[in-house]
C-alpha atoms as a PDB file:
ATOM      1  CA  MET A   1       0.008  -0.011  -0.017  1.00  0.00           C
ATOM      2  CA  ALA A   2       1.376   3.348  -1.027  1.00  0.00           C
ATOM      3  CA  LEU A   3       0.044   5.176   2.009  1.00  0.00           C
ATOM      4  CA  ALA A   4       1.133   2.565   4.593  1.00  0.00           C
ATOM      5  CA  ASP A   5       4.514   4.260   5.078  1.00  0.00           C
ATOM      6  CA  PRO A   6       4.649   7.420   7.297  1.00  0.00           C
ATOM      7  CA  THR A   7       7.214   9.053   5.011  1.00  0.00           C
ATOM      8  CA  ARG A   8       4.895   8.670   2.003  1.00  0.00           C
ATOM      9  CA  ARG A   9       1.968  10.014   4.023  1.00  0.00           C
ATOM     10  CA  GLN A  10       4.062  13.074   4.906  1.00  0.00           C
ATOM     11  CA  LEU A  11       4.961  13.524   1.225  1.00  0.00           C
ATOM     12  CA  VAL A  12       1.220  13.451   0.351  1.00  0.00           C
ATOM     13  CA  ARG A  13       0.530  16.005   3.101  1.00  0.00           C
ATOM     14  CA  MET A  14       3.167  18.305   1.635  1.00  0.00           C
ATOM     15  CA  LEU A  15       1.798  17.912  -1.842  1.00  0.00           C
ATOM     16  CA  ALA A  16      -1.713  18.621  -0.599  1.00  0.00           C
ATOM     17  CA  GLU A  17      -0.522  22.119   0.293  1.00  0.00           C
ATOM     18  CA  HIS A  18       1.166  22.821  -3.083  1.00  0.00           C
ATOM     19  CA  ASP A  19       3.130  21.254  -5.901  1.00  0.00           C
ATOM     20  CA  CYS A  20       6.780  20.625  -5.014  1.00  0.00           C
ATOM     21  CA  THR A  21       9.998  19.705  -6.715  1.00  0.00           C
ATOM     22  CA  VAL A  22      11.696  16.496  -5.660  1.00  0.00           C
ATOM     23  CA  SER A  23      14.360  18.529  -3.862  1.00  0.00           C
ATOM     24  CA  GLN A  24      11.708  20.481  -1.946  1.00  0.00           C
ATOM     25  CA  LEU A  25      10.026  17.269  -0.887  1.00  0.00           C
ATOM     26  CA  ALA A  26      13.317  15.712   0.251  1.00  0.00           C
ATOM     27  CA  GLN A  27      14.450  18.789   2.301  1.00  0.00           C
ATOM     28  CA  PRO A  28      12.644  18.019   5.587  1.00  0.00           C
ATOM     29  CA  PHE A  29      13.647  14.404   5.713  1.00  0.00           C
ATOM     30  CA  ASP A  30      16.818  12.952   7.262  1.00  0.00           C
ATOM     31  CA  MET A  31      17.471  10.653   4.317  1.00  0.00           C
ATOM     32  CA  SER A  32      19.132  10.772   0.984  1.00  0.00           C
ATOM     33  CA  LEU A  33      17.538  12.223  -2.160  1.00  0.00           C
ATOM     34  CA  ALA A  34      17.656   8.713  -3.646  1.00  0.00           C
ATOM     35  CA  ALA A  35      15.652   7.293  -0.717  1.00  0.00           C
ATOM     36  CA  VAL A  36      13.008   9.993  -1.050  1.00  0.00           C
ATOM     37  CA  SER A  37      12.881   9.378  -4.789  1.00  0.00           C
ATOM     38  CA  LYS A  38      12.092   5.700  -4.077  1.00  0.00           C
ATOM     39  CA  HIS A  39       9.128   6.779  -1.947  1.00  0.00           C
ATOM     40  CA  ILE A  40       7.965   9.137  -4.683  1.00  0.00           C
ATOM     41  CA  LYS A  41       8.149   6.318  -7.276  1.00  0.00           C
ATOM     42  CA  VAL A  42       5.866   4.198  -5.057  1.00  0.00           C
ATOM     43  CA  LEU A  43       3.356   7.043  -4.954  1.00  0.00           C
ATOM     44  CA  GLU A  44       3.628   7.522  -8.687  1.00  0.00           C
ATOM     45  CA  ALA A  45       3.098   3.782  -9.366  1.00  0.00           C
ATOM     46  CA  ALA A  46      -0.059   3.940  -7.226  1.00  0.00           C
ATOM     47  CA  GLY A  47      -1.287   7.003  -9.183  1.00  0.00           C
ATOM     48  CA  VAL A  48      -1.256   9.193  -6.094  1.00  0.00           C
ATOM     49  CA  VAL A  49       1.132  11.726  -7.622  1.00  0.00           C
ATOM     50  CA  ALA A  50       1.975  12.931 -11.099  1.00  0.00           C
ATOM     51  CA  ARG A  51       5.351  14.154 -12.263  1.00  0.00           C
ATOM     52  CA  ARG A  52       5.989  17.095 -14.587  1.00  0.00           C
ATOM     53  CA  VAL A  53       9.500  17.349 -16.066  1.00  0.00           C
ATOM     54  CA  ASP A  54      10.850  20.705 -17.265  1.00  0.00           C
ATOM     55  CA  GLY A  55      14.512  20.191 -18.159  1.00  0.00           C
ATOM     56  CA  ARG A  56      16.218  18.930 -15.007  1.00  0.00           C
ATOM     57  CA  VAL A  57      13.422  20.061 -12.662  1.00  0.00           C
ATOM     58  CA  HIS A  58      10.891  17.423 -11.660  1.00  0.00           C
ATOM     59  CA  THR A  59       7.710  18.869 -10.110  1.00  0.00           C
ATOM     60  CA  LEU A  60       5.208  16.636  -8.386  1.00  0.00           C
ATOM     61  CA  THR A  61       1.435  17.159  -8.103  1.00  0.00           C
ATOM     62  CA  LEU A  62      -1.002  15.340  -5.873  1.00  0.00           C
ATOM     63  CA  ARG A  63      -3.773  13.487  -7.694  1.00  0.00           C
ATOM     64  CA  PRO A  64      -6.501  13.588  -4.998  1.00  0.00           C
ATOM     65  CA  GLU A  65      -8.988  11.659  -7.090  1.00  0.00           C
ATOM     66  CA  SER A  66      -6.761   8.608  -6.678  1.00  0.00           C
ATOM     67  CA  LEU A  67      -7.392   8.654  -2.910  1.00  0.00           C
ATOM     68  CA  THR A  68     -11.185   8.141  -3.115  1.00  0.00           C
ATOM     69  CA  GLY A  69     -10.813   4.346  -2.688  1.00  0.00           C
ATOM     70  CA  ALA A  70      -8.807   4.863   0.532  1.00  0.00           C
ATOM     71  CA  LEU A  71     -11.401   7.401   1.742  1.00  0.00           C
ATOM     72  CA  ASP A  72     -14.210   4.920   1.103  1.00  0.00           C
ATOM     73  CA  TRP A  73     -12.381   2.227   3.072  1.00  0.00           C
ATOM     74  CA  ILE A  74     -11.645   4.626   5.938  1.00  0.00           C
ATOM     75  CA  THR A  75     -15.285   5.762   6.026  1.00  0.00           C
ATOM     76  CA  ILE A  76     -16.505   2.168   6.436  1.00  0.00           C
ATOM     77  CA  TYR A  77     -14.251   1.612   9.385  1.00  0.00           C
ATOM     78  CA  ARG A  78     -14.847   5.036  10.909  1.00  0.00           C
ATOM     79  CA  ASN A  79     -18.589   4.293  10.960  1.00  0.00           C
ATOM     80  CA  PHE A  80     -17.929   0.891  12.465  1.00  0.00           C
ATOM     81  CA  TRP A  81     -15.827   2.278  15.281  1.00  0.00           C
ATOM     82  CA  GLN A  82     -18.151   5.144  15.933  1.00  0.00           C
ATOM     83  CA  ARG A  83     -21.016   2.753  16.467  1.00  0.00           C
ATOM     84  CA  ARG A  84     -18.887   0.538  18.720  1.00  0.00           C
ATOM     85  CA  LEU A  85     -17.638   3.433  20.815  1.00  0.00           C
ATOM     86  CA  ALA A  86     -21.193   4.878  21.125  1.00  0.00           C
ATOM     87  CA  ALA A  87     -22.393   1.461  22.400  1.00  0.00           C
ATOM     88  CA  LEU A  88     -19.522   1.378  24.908  1.00  0.00           C
ATOM     89  CA  ASP A  89     -20.383   4.925  26.019  1.00  0.00           C
ATOM     90  CA  ASP A  90     -24.061   3.905  26.510  1.00  0.00           C
ATOM     91  CA  LEU A  91     -22.954   0.871  28.520  1.00  0.00           C
ATOM     92  CA  PHE A  92     -20.844   2.993  30.862  1.00  0.00           C
ATOM     93  CA  SER A  93     -23.508   5.699  31.125  1.00  0.00           C
ATOM     94  CA  THR A  94     -26.257   3.268  32.120  1.00  0.00           C
ATOM     95  CA  GLY A  95     -24.074   1.049  34.293  1.00  0.00           C
ATOM     96  CA  GLY A  96     -25.409  -2.016  32.452  1.00  0.00           C
ATOM     97  CA  SER A  97     -23.577  -5.137  31.514  1.00  0.00           C
ATOM     98  CA  PRO A  98     -22.666  -6.136  27.958  1.00  0.00           C
ATOM     99  CA  GLU A  99     -24.947  -8.446  26.063  1.00  0.00           C
ATOM    100  CA  PRO A 100     -23.420 -11.911  25.414  1.00  0.00           C
END
Protein backbone atom coordinates (compact mmCIF):
# COMPACT_ATOMS: atom_id res chain seq x y z
CA MET A 1 0.00 0.00 0.00
CA ALA A 2 1.38 3.34 -1.04
CA LEU A 3 0.06 5.17 2.04
CA ALA A 4 1.14 2.56 4.59
CA ASP A 5 4.51 4.25 5.09
CA PRO A 6 4.66 7.39 7.29
CA THR A 7 7.21 9.05 5.00
CA ARG A 8 4.90 8.68 2.02
CA ARG A 9 1.97 10.01 4.04
CA GLN A 10 4.07 13.07 4.90
CA LEU A 11 4.96 13.54 1.22
CA VAL A 12 1.25 13.44 0.36
CA ARG A 13 0.52 16.02 3.11
CA MET A 14 3.17 18.30 1.65
CA LEU A 15 1.79 17.92 -1.87
CA ALA A 16 -1.73 18.61 -0.61
CA GLU A 17 -0.54 22.10 0.28
CA HIS A 18 1.15 22.82 -3.09
CA ASP A 19 3.13 21.26 -5.92
CA CYS A 20 6.78 20.62 -5.02
CA THR A 21 9.99 19.69 -6.72
CA VAL A 22 11.69 16.47 -5.67
CA SER A 23 14.36 18.52 -3.87
CA GLN A 24 11.71 20.49 -1.95
CA LEU A 25 10.03 17.27 -0.89
CA ALA A 26 13.32 15.73 0.24
CA GLN A 27 14.46 18.76 2.28
CA PRO A 28 12.65 18.05 5.59
CA PHE A 29 13.66 14.39 5.72
CA ASP A 30 16.80 12.95 7.27
CA MET A 31 17.45 10.63 4.32
CA SER A 32 19.13 10.76 0.96
CA LEU A 33 17.52 12.23 -2.13
CA ALA A 34 17.66 8.73 -3.65
CA ALA A 35 15.66 7.30 -0.70
CA VAL A 36 13.00 10.00 -1.03
CA SER A 37 12.88 9.35 -4.79
CA LYS A 38 12.08 5.70 -4.09
CA HIS A 39 9.13 6.76 -1.94
CA ILE A 40 7.97 9.11 -4.69
CA LYS A 41 8.15 6.30 -7.25
CA VAL A 42 5.86 4.17 -5.07
CA LEU A 43 3.35 7.04 -4.94
CA GLU A 44 3.64 7.51 -8.71
CA ALA A 45 3.09 3.80 -9.36
CA ALA A 46 -0.05 3.95 -7.22
CA GLY A 47 -1.27 6.99 -9.17
CA VAL A 48 -1.26 9.21 -6.08
CA VAL A 49 1.15 11.75 -7.59
CA ALA A 50 1.96 12.92 -11.10
CA ARG A 51 5.36 14.16 -12.25
CA ARG A 52 5.98 17.08 -14.60
CA VAL A 53 9.49 17.38 -16.06
CA ASP A 54 10.88 20.70 -17.25
CA GLY A 55 14.52 20.18 -18.14
CA ARG A 56 16.22 18.94 -14.98
CA VAL A 57 13.42 20.08 -12.67
CA HIS A 58 10.88 17.42 -11.67
CA THR A 59 7.72 18.85 -10.12
CA LEU A 60 5.19 16.63 -8.39
CA THR A 61 1.44 17.18 -8.10
CA LEU A 62 -1.01 15.36 -5.86
CA ARG A 63 -3.77 13.48 -7.70
CA PRO A 64 -6.48 13.60 -5.00
CA GLU A 65 -8.98 11.66 -7.10
CA SER A 66 -6.76 8.61 -6.67
CA LEU A 67 -7.41 8.67 -2.92
CA THR A 68 -11.17 8.13 -3.13
CA GLY A 69 -10.80 4.35 -2.68
CA ALA A 70 -8.82 4.89 0.52
CA LEU A 71 -11.38 7.40 1.74
CA ASP A 72 -14.21 4.94 1.09
CA TRP A 73 -12.38 2.24 3.06
CA ILE A 74 -11.66 4.63 5.94
CA THR A 75 -15.30 5.75 6.03
CA ILE A 76 -16.52 2.18 6.45
CA TYR A 77 -14.24 1.61 9.43
CA ARG A 78 -14.85 5.05 10.90
CA ASN A 79 -18.59 4.31 10.95
CA PHE A 80 -17.95 0.87 12.49
CA TRP A 81 -15.82 2.27 15.29
CA GLN A 82 -18.15 5.19 15.95
CA ARG A 83 -21.02 2.73 16.48
CA ARG A 84 -18.88 0.52 18.73
CA LEU A 85 -17.64 3.43 20.81
CA ALA A 86 -21.18 4.86 21.12
CA ALA A 87 -22.39 1.46 22.39
CA LEU A 88 -19.54 1.38 24.90
CA ASP A 89 -20.37 4.91 26.03
CA ASP A 90 -24.03 3.89 26.49
CA LEU A 91 -22.94 0.88 28.50
CA PHE A 92 -20.83 2.98 30.87
CA SER A 93 -23.51 5.69 31.11
CA THR A 94 -26.26 3.26 32.10
CA GLY A 95 -24.07 1.04 34.28
CA GLY A 96 -25.40 -1.99 32.46
CA SER A 97 -23.59 -5.13 31.51
CA PRO A 98 -22.67 -6.12 27.96
CA GLU A 99 -24.93 -8.45 26.06
CA PRO A 100 -23.45 -11.92 25.43
